[in-house]
C-alpha cells in the first residue's frame, strides 16, 4: 500500500501529465463502462481526514473537487444524471482535477508548519543518575 502511495506521489511530482487514477471497468451487453464511484468515495475519505485544511469554502477547491464529488454519496451521484456522453466527459475530468488539486497543495506547502517535537519540562534522567523512585540505585539498575 505504501509503495503504491509513493508511486502516486512520485508520478504527481515528477510526471503529473502521466498520472491516471485506476478505475474499474465493467462490460455489459458488449459495452464497456468505467466505474469511478469507489475511487471517488475513497478520495473524499482522504479529504475528510484533514477537512479543515482543505478549505471547503475556497471556490478553487470546490471547482477542482466537483468531478470527484459528483460520483459520490456526498454529491448525490449527480455524475450519473446525464447522457452516457456527459457522464464519460465528467469522468474524464477527474484526473485533470486531481492534478490541479496536487499542484494547488504543492504551491501552498509552506503555509503549514510541521508539528515540533514535544519536550517535557523535567530534564532527562541519565543512566547513572539515582532513580527518581527513591530506591537509591542508579536508573539502569532500578529497572
N, C-alpha and C. Protein backbone atom coordinates (compact mmCIF):
# COMPACT_ATOMS: atom_id res chain seq x y z
N UNK A 1 0.83 -1.18 0.00
CA UNK A 1 0.00 0.00 0.00
C UNK A 1 0.88 1.25 0.00
N UNK A 2 1.90 1.26 0.86
CA UNK A 2 2.79 2.41 0.92
C UNK A 2 3.55 2.58 -0.40
N UNK A 3 3.95 1.47 -1.00
CA UNK A 3 4.64 1.53 -2.29
C UNK A 3 3.74 2.17 -3.34
N UNK A 4 2.47 1.80 -3.34
CA UNK A 4 1.51 2.37 -4.29
C UNK A 4 1.35 3.87 -4.05
N UNK A 5 1.22 4.26 -2.77
CA UNK A 5 1.10 5.68 -2.43
C UNK A 5 2.34 6.45 -2.88
N UNK A 6 3.51 5.87 -2.65
CA UNK A 6 4.75 6.54 -3.06
C UNK A 6 4.85 6.67 -4.57
N UNK A 7 4.38 5.67 -5.29
CA UNK A 7 4.44 5.76 -6.76
C UNK A 7 3.48 6.83 -7.27
N UNK A 8 2.33 6.97 -6.62
CA UNK A 8 1.40 8.04 -6.99
C UNK A 8 2.03 9.40 -6.71
N UNK A 9 2.64 9.55 -5.54
CA UNK A 9 3.31 10.80 -5.19
C UNK A 9 4.41 11.13 -6.18
N UNK A 10 5.21 10.14 -6.50
CA UNK A 10 6.30 10.35 -7.46
C UNK A 10 5.74 10.79 -8.80
N UNK A 11 4.71 10.12 -9.25
CA UNK A 11 4.11 10.44 -10.55
C UNK A 11 3.58 11.88 -10.55
N UNK A 12 2.88 12.26 -9.49
CA UNK A 12 2.33 13.62 -9.44
C UNK A 12 3.43 14.68 -9.34
N UNK A 13 4.53 14.34 -8.70
CA UNK A 13 5.63 15.30 -8.54
C UNK A 13 6.48 15.40 -9.80
N UNK A 14 6.79 14.27 -10.39
CA UNK A 14 7.76 14.24 -11.49
C UNK A 14 7.13 14.21 -12.89
N UNK A 15 5.99 13.55 -13.01
CA UNK A 15 5.35 13.41 -14.33
C UNK A 15 3.84 13.57 -14.20
N UNK A 16 3.37 14.74 -13.75
CA UNK A 16 1.94 14.89 -13.47
C UNK A 16 1.03 14.61 -14.66
N UNK A 17 1.49 14.90 -15.85
CA UNK A 17 0.65 14.67 -17.03
C UNK A 17 0.42 13.17 -17.28
N UNK A 18 1.29 12.33 -16.73
CA UNK A 18 1.16 10.89 -16.91
C UNK A 18 0.30 10.23 -15.84
N UNK A 19 -0.07 10.98 -14.79
CA UNK A 19 -0.88 10.41 -13.72
C UNK A 19 -2.29 10.08 -14.22
N UNK A 20 -2.73 8.88 -13.95
CA UNK A 20 -4.09 8.45 -14.24
C UNK A 20 -4.59 7.63 -13.07
N UNK A 21 -5.76 7.97 -12.52
CA UNK A 21 -6.33 7.13 -11.46
C UNK A 21 -6.67 5.74 -11.99
N UNK A 22 -6.67 4.76 -11.12
CA UNK A 22 -7.03 3.40 -11.51
C UNK A 22 -8.52 3.19 -11.28
N UNK A 23 -9.27 3.17 -12.36
CA UNK A 23 -10.71 2.97 -12.27
C UNK A 23 -11.05 1.54 -12.69
N UNK A 24 -12.16 1.06 -12.19
CA UNK A 24 -12.65 -0.26 -12.56
C UNK A 24 -13.42 -0.13 -13.88
N UNK A 25 -13.56 -1.23 -14.57
CA UNK A 25 -14.37 -1.26 -15.79
C UNK A 25 -15.30 -2.45 -15.73
N UNK A 26 -16.45 -2.29 -16.35
CA UNK A 26 -17.42 -3.39 -16.42
C UNK A 26 -17.99 -3.42 -17.83
N UNK A 27 -18.13 -4.60 -18.38
CA UNK A 27 -18.71 -4.75 -19.71
C UNK A 27 -20.12 -5.32 -19.56
N UNK A 28 -21.09 -4.61 -20.11
CA UNK A 28 -22.48 -5.04 -20.07
C UNK A 28 -23.01 -5.05 -21.50
N UNK A 29 -23.47 -6.20 -21.94
CA UNK A 29 -24.01 -6.37 -23.29
C UNK A 29 -23.04 -5.82 -24.35
N UNK A 30 -21.77 -6.12 -24.16
CA UNK A 30 -20.76 -5.73 -25.13
C UNK A 30 -20.29 -4.29 -25.03
N UNK A 31 -20.88 -3.51 -24.12
CA UNK A 31 -20.48 -2.11 -23.96
C UNK A 31 -19.67 -1.97 -22.67
N UNK A 32 -18.52 -1.29 -22.77
CA UNK A 32 -17.62 -1.13 -21.64
C UNK A 32 -17.97 0.16 -20.87
N UNK A 33 -18.10 0.04 -19.55
CA UNK A 33 -18.40 1.17 -18.68
C UNK A 33 -17.25 1.36 -17.70
N UNK A 34 -16.88 2.61 -17.48
CA UNK A 34 -15.86 2.93 -16.49
C UNK A 34 -16.56 3.18 -15.16
N UNK A 35 -16.06 2.53 -14.11
CA UNK A 35 -16.63 2.67 -12.77
C UNK A 35 -15.69 3.54 -11.95
N UNK A 36 -16.15 4.74 -11.62
CA UNK A 36 -15.29 5.67 -10.88
C UNK A 36 -15.77 5.89 -9.45
N UNK A 37 -16.96 5.41 -9.13
CA UNK A 37 -17.59 5.73 -7.85
C UNK A 37 -16.74 5.36 -6.64
N UNK A 38 -16.22 4.13 -6.61
CA UNK A 38 -15.44 3.70 -5.45
C UNK A 38 -14.17 4.53 -5.30
N UNK A 39 -13.53 4.83 -6.42
CA UNK A 39 -12.31 5.64 -6.38
C UNK A 39 -12.62 7.02 -5.81
N UNK A 40 -13.71 7.62 -6.29
CA UNK A 40 -14.09 8.96 -5.83
C UNK A 40 -14.47 8.96 -4.36
N UNK A 41 -15.18 7.92 -3.92
CA UNK A 41 -15.53 7.81 -2.49
C UNK A 41 -14.25 7.73 -1.64
N UNK A 42 -13.29 6.93 -2.09
CA UNK A 42 -12.02 6.81 -1.36
C UNK A 42 -11.27 8.13 -1.32
N UNK A 43 -11.28 8.85 -2.42
CA UNK A 43 -10.59 10.15 -2.47
C UNK A 43 -11.21 11.10 -1.46
N UNK A 44 -12.55 11.14 -1.42
CA UNK A 44 -13.22 12.02 -0.46
C UNK A 44 -12.97 11.61 0.99
N UNK A 45 -12.80 10.32 1.24
CA UNK A 45 -12.46 9.88 2.59
C UNK A 45 -11.09 10.44 2.98
N UNK A 46 -10.17 10.47 2.03
CA UNK A 46 -8.86 11.07 2.28
C UNK A 46 -8.97 12.56 2.56
N UNK A 47 -9.82 13.24 1.82
CA UNK A 47 -10.05 14.68 2.04
C UNK A 47 -10.61 14.89 3.44
N UNK A 48 -11.53 14.02 3.86
CA UNK A 48 -12.18 14.17 5.16
C UNK A 48 -11.19 14.05 6.33
N UNK A 49 -10.07 13.39 6.11
CA UNK A 49 -9.08 13.25 7.19
C UNK A 49 -8.54 14.60 7.64
N UNK A 50 -8.47 15.56 6.72
CA UNK A 50 -7.97 16.90 7.05
C UNK A 50 -8.92 17.94 6.47
N UNK A 51 -10.19 17.77 6.74
CA UNK A 51 -11.24 18.62 6.16
C UNK A 51 -10.99 20.12 6.35
N UNK A 52 -10.59 20.53 7.55
CA UNK A 52 -10.40 21.95 7.82
C UNK A 52 -9.29 22.55 6.96
N UNK A 53 -8.22 21.81 6.77
CA UNK A 53 -7.11 22.31 5.97
C UNK A 53 -7.48 22.44 4.50
N UNK A 54 -8.44 21.64 4.04
CA UNK A 54 -8.83 21.68 2.63
C UNK A 54 -9.57 22.96 2.29
N UNK A 55 -10.09 23.66 3.28
CA UNK A 55 -10.80 24.90 2.99
C UNK A 55 -11.95 24.69 2.03
N UNK A 56 -12.95 23.91 2.45
CA UNK A 56 -14.02 23.57 1.53
C UNK A 56 -14.76 24.78 0.97
N UNK A 57 -14.61 25.92 1.63
CA UNK A 57 -15.29 27.11 1.13
C UNK A 57 -14.51 27.82 0.02
N UNK A 58 -13.28 27.40 -0.21
CA UNK A 58 -12.49 28.01 -1.28
C UNK A 58 -13.08 27.63 -2.63
N UNK A 59 -13.45 28.62 -3.45
CA UNK A 59 -14.06 28.32 -4.75
C UNK A 59 -13.16 27.45 -5.64
N UNK A 60 -11.85 27.68 -5.56
CA UNK A 60 -10.92 26.91 -6.38
C UNK A 60 -10.98 25.42 -6.03
N UNK A 61 -10.96 25.12 -4.74
CA UNK A 61 -11.02 23.73 -4.29
C UNK A 61 -12.36 23.10 -4.66
N UNK A 62 -13.44 23.85 -4.46
CA UNK A 62 -14.77 23.35 -4.81
C UNK A 62 -14.84 23.01 -6.29
N UNK A 63 -14.28 23.86 -7.11
CA UNK A 63 -14.27 23.62 -8.56
C UNK A 63 -13.46 22.37 -8.90
N UNK A 64 -12.28 22.24 -8.31
CA UNK A 64 -11.43 21.09 -8.60
C UNK A 64 -12.06 19.78 -8.13
N UNK A 65 -12.73 19.83 -6.98
CA UNK A 65 -13.32 18.61 -6.42
C UNK A 65 -14.63 18.21 -7.09
N UNK A 66 -15.24 19.10 -7.85
CA UNK A 66 -16.56 18.83 -8.43
C UNK A 66 -16.65 17.50 -9.17
N UNK A 67 -15.74 17.19 -10.11
CA UNK A 67 -15.88 15.91 -10.81
C UNK A 67 -15.78 14.70 -9.88
N UNK A 68 -15.00 14.82 -8.82
CA UNK A 68 -14.86 13.71 -7.87
C UNK A 68 -16.14 13.58 -7.04
N UNK A 69 -16.60 14.71 -6.49
CA UNK A 69 -17.78 14.71 -5.63
C UNK A 69 -19.02 14.24 -6.38
N UNK A 70 -19.11 14.55 -7.67
CA UNK A 70 -20.30 14.19 -8.46
C UNK A 70 -20.57 12.70 -8.49
N UNK A 71 -19.55 11.89 -8.26
CA UNK A 71 -19.72 10.43 -8.30
C UNK A 71 -19.70 9.82 -6.90
N UNK A 72 -20.15 10.58 -5.91
CA UNK A 72 -20.17 10.10 -4.53
C UNK A 72 -21.53 10.33 -3.90
N UNK A 73 -21.72 9.73 -2.73
CA UNK A 73 -22.96 9.94 -1.99
C UNK A 73 -23.09 11.40 -1.58
N UNK A 74 -21.97 12.06 -1.28
CA UNK A 74 -22.00 13.49 -0.92
C UNK A 74 -22.58 14.31 -2.07
N UNK A 75 -22.21 13.97 -3.29
CA UNK A 75 -22.70 14.67 -4.47
C UNK A 75 -24.00 14.10 -5.00
N UNK A 76 -24.62 13.22 -4.20
CA UNK A 76 -25.89 12.58 -4.55
C UNK A 76 -25.85 11.92 -5.92
N UNK A 77 -24.68 11.41 -6.28
CA UNK A 77 -24.48 10.64 -7.51
C UNK A 77 -24.88 11.41 -8.77
N UNK A 78 -24.81 12.75 -8.72
CA UNK A 78 -25.24 13.57 -9.86
C UNK A 78 -24.40 13.35 -11.10
N UNK A 79 -23.25 12.76 -10.95
CA UNK A 79 -22.40 12.46 -12.09
C UNK A 79 -23.03 11.47 -13.04
N UNK A 80 -24.03 10.75 -12.55
CA UNK A 80 -24.71 9.74 -13.38
C UNK A 80 -25.99 10.28 -14.03
N UNK A 81 -26.31 11.55 -13.80
CA UNK A 81 -27.58 12.09 -14.26
C UNK A 81 -27.66 12.38 -15.75
N UNK A 82 -26.54 12.55 -16.40
CA UNK A 82 -26.56 12.93 -17.82
C UNK A 82 -26.59 11.74 -18.76
N UNK A 83 -26.42 12.06 -20.02
CA UNK A 83 -26.33 11.02 -21.04
C UNK A 83 -25.01 10.28 -20.87
N UNK A 84 -24.86 9.17 -21.57
CA UNK A 84 -23.60 8.42 -21.50
C UNK A 84 -22.42 9.30 -21.85
N UNK A 85 -22.58 10.13 -22.85
CA UNK A 85 -21.50 11.03 -23.29
C UNK A 85 -21.16 12.06 -22.20
N UNK A 86 -22.18 12.60 -21.54
CA UNK A 86 -21.95 13.59 -20.47
C UNK A 86 -21.29 12.94 -19.26
N UNK A 87 -21.72 11.74 -18.92
CA UNK A 87 -21.11 11.01 -17.80
C UNK A 87 -19.64 10.74 -18.09
N UNK A 88 -19.37 10.28 -19.29
CA UNK A 88 -17.99 9.99 -19.69
C UNK A 88 -17.14 11.26 -19.67
N UNK A 89 -17.70 12.38 -20.14
CA UNK A 89 -16.96 13.64 -20.15
C UNK A 89 -16.62 14.08 -18.72
N UNK A 90 -17.56 13.91 -17.79
CA UNK A 90 -17.30 14.26 -16.40
C UNK A 90 -16.26 13.32 -15.79
N UNK A 91 -16.35 12.05 -16.10
CA UNK A 91 -15.35 11.09 -15.61
C UNK A 91 -13.96 11.46 -16.12
N UNK A 92 -13.89 11.92 -17.35
CA UNK A 92 -12.60 12.30 -17.93
C UNK A 92 -12.01 13.57 -17.30
N UNK A 93 -12.80 14.28 -16.53
CA UNK A 93 -12.30 15.49 -15.84
C UNK A 93 -11.69 15.16 -14.48
N UNK A 94 -11.87 13.93 -14.01
CA UNK A 94 -11.37 13.57 -12.67
C UNK A 94 -9.84 13.66 -12.61
N UNK A 95 -9.14 13.01 -13.52
CA UNK A 95 -7.66 13.01 -13.48
C UNK A 95 -7.09 14.42 -13.59
N UNK A 96 -7.54 15.25 -14.56
CA UNK A 96 -7.01 16.62 -14.61
C UNK A 96 -7.31 17.41 -13.33
N UNK A 97 -8.46 17.16 -12.73
CA UNK A 97 -8.80 17.86 -11.48
C UNK A 97 -7.87 17.44 -10.35
N UNK A 98 -7.56 16.15 -10.28
CA UNK A 98 -6.65 15.67 -9.24
C UNK A 98 -5.27 16.28 -9.45
N UNK A 99 -4.84 16.40 -10.69
CA UNK A 99 -3.54 17.05 -10.97
C UNK A 99 -3.56 18.50 -10.51
N UNK A 100 -4.66 19.20 -10.76
CA UNK A 100 -4.79 20.61 -10.32
C UNK A 100 -4.80 20.70 -8.80
N UNK A 101 -5.48 19.77 -8.15
CA UNK A 101 -5.51 19.76 -6.68
C UNK A 101 -4.10 19.56 -6.14
N UNK A 102 -3.37 18.61 -6.72
CA UNK A 102 -2.00 18.36 -6.26
C UNK A 102 -1.14 19.61 -6.45
N UNK A 103 -1.25 20.25 -7.59
CA UNK A 103 -0.47 21.48 -7.85
C UNK A 103 -0.86 22.58 -6.86
N UNK A 104 -2.15 22.71 -6.59
CA UNK A 104 -2.64 23.70 -5.62
C UNK A 104 -1.98 23.49 -4.27
N UNK A 105 -1.98 22.24 -3.80
CA UNK A 105 -1.39 21.96 -2.48
C UNK A 105 0.12 22.07 -2.50
N UNK A 106 0.74 21.73 -3.59
CA UNK A 106 2.19 21.85 -3.70
C UNK A 106 2.60 23.32 -3.56
N UNK A 107 1.84 24.21 -4.17
CA UNK A 107 2.12 25.65 -4.08
C UNK A 107 1.87 26.20 -2.68
N UNK A 108 1.02 25.55 -1.91
CA UNK A 108 0.68 26.04 -0.57
C UNK A 108 1.42 25.30 0.54
N UNK A 109 2.32 24.43 0.16
CA UNK A 109 3.00 23.56 1.12
C UNK A 109 3.66 24.31 2.27
N UNK A 110 4.26 25.44 2.01
CA UNK A 110 4.98 26.17 3.05
C UNK A 110 4.06 26.87 4.04
N UNK A 111 2.76 26.96 3.74
CA UNK A 111 1.83 27.62 4.65
C UNK A 111 1.60 26.83 5.92
N UNK A 112 1.81 25.54 5.86
CA UNK A 112 1.52 24.70 7.00
C UNK A 112 2.81 24.29 7.68
N UNK A 113 2.90 24.62 8.96
CA UNK A 113 4.09 24.26 9.72
C UNK A 113 4.00 22.82 10.19
N UNK A 114 5.13 22.19 10.22
CA UNK A 114 5.17 20.84 10.78
C UNK A 114 5.13 20.95 12.30
N UNK A 115 4.53 19.97 12.91
CA UNK A 115 4.48 19.94 14.37
C UNK A 115 5.89 19.76 14.91
N UNK A 116 6.22 20.51 15.93
CA UNK A 116 7.54 20.37 16.52
C UNK A 116 7.48 19.31 17.63
N UNK A 117 8.60 18.66 17.91
CA UNK A 117 8.60 17.63 18.94
C UNK A 117 8.24 18.21 20.31
N UNK A 118 7.56 17.43 21.09
CA UNK A 118 7.18 17.86 22.43
C UNK A 118 8.29 17.46 23.39
N UNK A 119 8.73 18.41 24.18
CA UNK A 119 9.77 18.15 25.16
C UNK A 119 9.16 18.34 26.54
N UNK A 120 9.47 17.41 27.44
CA UNK A 120 8.96 17.51 28.80
C UNK A 120 9.62 18.67 29.54
N UNK A 121 8.98 19.09 30.63
CA UNK A 121 9.53 20.21 31.40
C UNK A 121 10.67 19.76 32.32
N UNK A 122 10.72 18.48 32.67
CA UNK A 122 11.78 17.95 33.52
C UNK A 122 12.94 17.47 32.67
N UNK A 123 14.17 17.65 33.15
CA UNK A 123 15.31 17.14 32.38
C UNK A 123 15.32 15.62 32.35
N UNK A 124 15.92 15.09 31.31
CA UNK A 124 16.02 13.62 31.18
C UNK A 124 16.94 13.08 32.28
N UNK A 125 16.62 11.88 32.72
CA UNK A 125 17.43 11.23 33.75
C UNK A 125 18.50 10.42 33.05
N UNK A 126 19.73 10.60 33.43
CA UNK A 126 20.83 9.85 32.85
C UNK A 126 20.86 8.42 33.38
N UNK A 127 21.50 7.55 32.67
CA UNK A 127 21.50 6.13 33.07
C UNK A 127 22.25 5.89 34.38
N UNK A 128 23.14 6.78 34.77
CA UNK A 128 23.88 6.59 36.02
C UNK A 128 23.38 7.50 37.14
N UNK A 129 22.31 8.27 36.87
CA UNK A 129 21.72 9.13 37.91
C UNK A 129 20.90 8.27 38.87
N UNK A 130 20.71 8.74 40.10
CA UNK A 130 19.87 7.99 41.03
C UNK A 130 18.44 7.87 40.48
N UNK A 131 17.81 6.75 40.74
CA UNK A 131 16.46 6.50 40.26
C UNK A 131 15.50 7.47 40.94
N UNK A 132 14.58 8.08 40.20
CA UNK A 132 13.65 9.05 40.78
C UNK A 132 12.63 8.40 41.72
N UNK A 133 12.52 7.08 41.72
CA UNK A 133 11.55 6.41 42.60
C UNK A 133 12.04 6.37 44.05
N UNK A 134 13.32 6.66 44.25
CA UNK A 134 13.84 6.75 45.61
C UNK A 134 14.47 5.47 46.15
N UNK A 135 14.70 4.44 45.36
CA UNK A 135 15.28 3.19 45.87
C UNK A 135 16.78 3.31 46.10
N UNK A 136 17.38 4.37 45.60
CA UNK A 136 18.79 4.60 45.84
C UNK A 136 19.72 4.00 44.81
N UNK A 137 19.20 3.23 43.86
CA UNK A 137 20.02 2.66 42.81
C UNK A 137 20.06 3.63 41.64
N UNK A 138 21.02 3.37 40.73
CA UNK A 138 21.01 4.21 39.55
C UNK A 138 19.92 3.72 38.60
N UNK A 139 19.53 4.55 37.64
CA UNK A 139 18.38 4.27 36.78
C UNK A 139 18.49 2.94 36.03
N UNK A 140 19.68 2.61 35.54
CA UNK A 140 19.79 1.38 34.76
C UNK A 140 19.63 0.14 35.64
N UNK A 141 19.93 0.22 36.91
CA UNK A 141 19.80 -0.93 37.82
C UNK A 141 18.41 -1.07 38.37
N UNK A 142 17.69 0.04 38.49
CA UNK A 142 16.37 0.03 39.13
C UNK A 142 15.31 -0.61 38.24
N UNK A 143 15.54 -0.64 36.96
CA UNK A 143 14.51 -1.14 36.06
C UNK A 143 14.48 -2.60 35.99
